[in-house]
């Protein structure tokens, strides 16, 4: 049970992380990120709608519509993400809220409340994400898990280039995952997780988990 819960917890974190990544990509592709220069169309394959449609008015709603299926780098996303921004993504203090509309990644369904806050200081780009009442439903609805947690992303590479693809991040934080049978696991990042956007996966770091009297770690 502990192994299944830790796997579900890591998967939940990975998929909500992917939401953060997709918003970064599409904000840059549509010139509302606030980077000094941009390289458009590098990663996205969704249909993007901005309302208001100009590039200067905020608050703004960005709809990321993957339709019936949009595949890139062997990942298929479908459904919609509706993102409300009160400023440009890379402006310190900007907050974003994300609503999920039948949103799936490789047939895993994501729900809940997801927010992103830009807490950049001393010219080091940093974001904090908060997942509240998140829900991860496995393909064909065979199981579901609820998930809540907060993670802080600090950029450690790629800040001086116009593209998002070479960015890398250090991630810290914690979360709680609960199964549909009400089995609960807490997970805390002990050693910051390092993620490269181009790789798409965690390349190093340690997470510790606790389930009842059992404890363990996931060492990447």
Foldseek 3Di string as FASTA:
>chain_A
DVVVQVVVQVVVVLVLVVVVVVVCLVLQQLVLQPAPAADHDPFDDFDWQKVVRDNADPQIKIKTAQDPWDDDPRKIKHFIKIKTWRGRNQDAFIKIKIATGQIDIVQKGKGFIKMKHFHDDPNWTKIKMWGDQMKIAHHPRPWMKTKTWMKMWTWDDDSPDRYQQAIKTWMFIWMKMATPVRFIKIKGFPFTFIDHNNVSDTDFGKMWMDTPPDIDMDTD
